[in-house]
Amino acid sequence: MLLESLVACSGVTLKAVATSLSIPIESGTVTAEGDLDFKGTLGVSKDSPVGFLGYRLIFNLVAPKATDEQIQVLKKLTERYCVVLQSLKGPVNTIFNKVDGKVAEPEDSSKGVKRSLE
């Protein structure tokens, strides 16, 4: 799901940037690859890391009318404005609260996603 989110977000971002800057892209593909050690993720080995060790985001673009400079600008701005890509670069602040009774609804649900564990 993480790699799918990265592909979706970066693809939409790329299209928005290309449209905004009139960079002629005829078609293309976005592929995300990740290196994952399942021994750590599945708890088989305490010495193996949990999660992805690295990512690759690959754009194959059919853009015969785009200049090399335009493609470099497209790369730079897609990397800058892709929310998922930028989020993967930053830390996550994890907060655990033990509560008694019913868990209250968040005051501002636009700040995140909430999922029940029941």
Protein backbone atom coordinates (compact mmCIF):
# COMPACT_ATOMS: atom_id res chain seq x y z
CA MET A 1 0.00 0.00 0.00
CA LEU A 2 2.86 2.37 0.73
CA LEU A 3 4.39 1.97 -2.72
CA GLU A 4 0.96 2.28 -4.36
CA SER A 5 0.44 5.57 -2.50
CA LEU A 6 3.83 6.78 -3.65
CA VAL A 7 3.05 5.94 -7.30
CA ALA A 8 -0.38 7.57 -7.16
CA CYS A 9 0.79 10.74 -5.47
CA SER A 10 3.89 11.23 -7.60
CA GLY A 11 1.96 10.52 -10.81
CA VAL A 12 -0.72 13.08 -10.00
CA THR A 13 1.94 15.58 -8.93
CA LEU A 14 3.93 15.04 -12.12
CA LYS A 15 0.83 15.59 -14.28
CA ALA A 16 -0.10 18.75 -12.36
CA VAL A 17 3.41 20.18 -12.70
CA ALA A 18 3.63 19.26 -16.39
CA THR A 19 0.25 20.89 -17.07
CA SER A 20 1.10 23.99 -15.05
CA LEU A 21 4.41 24.51 -16.87
CA SER A 22 3.13 23.36 -20.29
CA ILE A 23 5.68 20.54 -20.44
CA PRO A 24 4.51 18.24 -23.25
CA ILE A 25 4.16 14.69 -21.88
CA GLU A 26 2.41 12.25 -24.24
CA SER A 27 2.32 9.26 -21.90
CA GLY A 28 4.40 7.38 -19.39
CA THR A 29 4.57 5.08 -16.42
CA VAL A 30 5.49 5.49 -12.77
CA THR A 31 6.97 2.54 -10.90
CA ALA A 32 7.89 2.36 -7.22
CA GLU A 33 10.19 -0.36 -5.94
CA GLY A 34 11.26 -1.02 -2.39
CA ASP A 35 13.76 -3.22 -0.61
CA LEU A 36 12.12 -5.11 2.22
CA ASP A 37 13.64 -7.67 4.60
CA PHE A 38 10.73 -9.92 5.52
CA LYS A 39 12.67 -11.54 8.38
CA GLY A 40 12.43 -8.32 10.35
CA THR A 41 8.93 -7.38 9.25
CA LEU A 42 7.52 -10.79 10.20
CA GLY A 43 9.47 -10.94 13.46
CA VAL A 44 11.58 -13.93 12.39
CA SER A 45 14.85 -12.18 13.18
CA LYS A 46 15.36 -9.49 15.80
CA ASP A 47 18.58 -8.49 14.03
CA SER A 48 16.81 -7.69 10.76
CA PRO A 49 15.24 -4.26 10.27
CA VAL A 50 11.47 -3.81 10.09
CA GLY A 51 10.16 -2.02 7.02
CA PHE A 52 11.66 -0.80 3.78
CA LEU A 53 15.40 -0.32 3.58
CA GLY A 54 15.23 1.85 0.47
CA TYR A 55 12.97 3.02 -2.33
CA ARG A 56 13.24 3.70 -6.04
CA LEU A 57 10.74 5.84 -7.92
CA ILE A 58 11.07 5.38 -11.67
CA PHE A 59 9.40 7.58 -14.28
CA ASN A 60 9.44 6.45 -17.91
CA LEU A 61 8.08 9.34 -19.94
CA VAL A 62 7.19 9.59 -23.62
CA ALA A 63 7.95 13.27 -24.16
CA PRO A 64 9.71 13.80 -27.51
CA LYS A 65 8.92 17.53 -27.54
CA ALA A 66 10.14 18.19 -23.97
CA THR A 67 13.66 19.49 -23.51
CA ASP A 68 16.15 17.95 -21.10
CA GLU A 69 15.88 21.15 -19.03
CA GLN A 70 12.09 20.78 -18.82
CA ILE A 71 12.44 17.17 -17.66
CA GLN A 72 14.89 18.25 -14.94
CA VAL A 73 12.46 20.94 -13.76
CA LEU A 74 9.65 18.36 -13.82
CA LYS A 75 11.77 15.98 -11.69
CA LYS A 76 12.70 18.68 -9.18
CA LEU A 77 9.15 19.97 -8.72
CA THR A 78 7.56 16.52 -8.63
CA GLU A 79 9.97 15.53 -5.85
CA ARG A 80 9.31 18.78 -4.00
CA TYR A 81 5.51 18.72 -4.12
CA CYS A 82 4.71 14.99 -3.83
CA VAL A 83 3.28 14.77 -0.31
CA VAL A 84 3.91 11.03 0.07
CA LEU A 85 7.52 11.30 -1.11
CA GLN A 86 8.20 14.20 1.24
CA SER A 87 6.50 12.34 4.10
CA LEU A 88 8.77 9.32 3.61
CA LYS A 89 11.78 11.59 4.11
CA GLY A 90 10.63 12.89 7.49
CA PRO A 91 10.20 11.39 10.95
CA VAL A 92 6.89 10.23 12.37
CA ASN A 93 5.98 11.29 15.90
CA THR A 94 4.26 8.25 17.47
CA ILE A 95 1.94 8.94 20.41
CA PHE A 96 0.24 6.24 22.50
CA ASN A 97 -2.50 7.20 24.94
CA LYS A 98 -4.19 4.75 27.29
CA VAL A 99 -7.76 5.89 27.83
CA ASP A 100 -10.60 4.71 30.02
CA GLY A 101 -13.98 4.35 28.38
CA LYS A 102 -14.92 5.44 24.88
CA VAL A 103 -12.35 7.12 22.63
CA ALA A 104 -13.48 10.63 21.71
CA GLU A 105 -13.75 11.75 18.11
CA PRO A 106 -10.91 14.06 17.05
CA GLU A 107 -11.80 17.76 17.12
CA ASP A 108 -10.50 18.37 13.59
CA SER A 109 -10.79 15.26 11.44
CA SER A 110 -9.13 17.07 8.49
CA LYS A 111 -5.76 16.61 10.20
CA GLY A 112 -5.55 12.86 9.78
CA VAL A 113 -7.08 9.48 9.29
CA LYS A 114 -8.72 7.62 12.15
CA ARG A 115 -9.41 3.88 12.11
CA SER A 116 -11.14 1.89 14.83
CA LEU A 117 -9.25 -1.10 16.26
CA GLU A 118 -12.44 -2.84 17.40
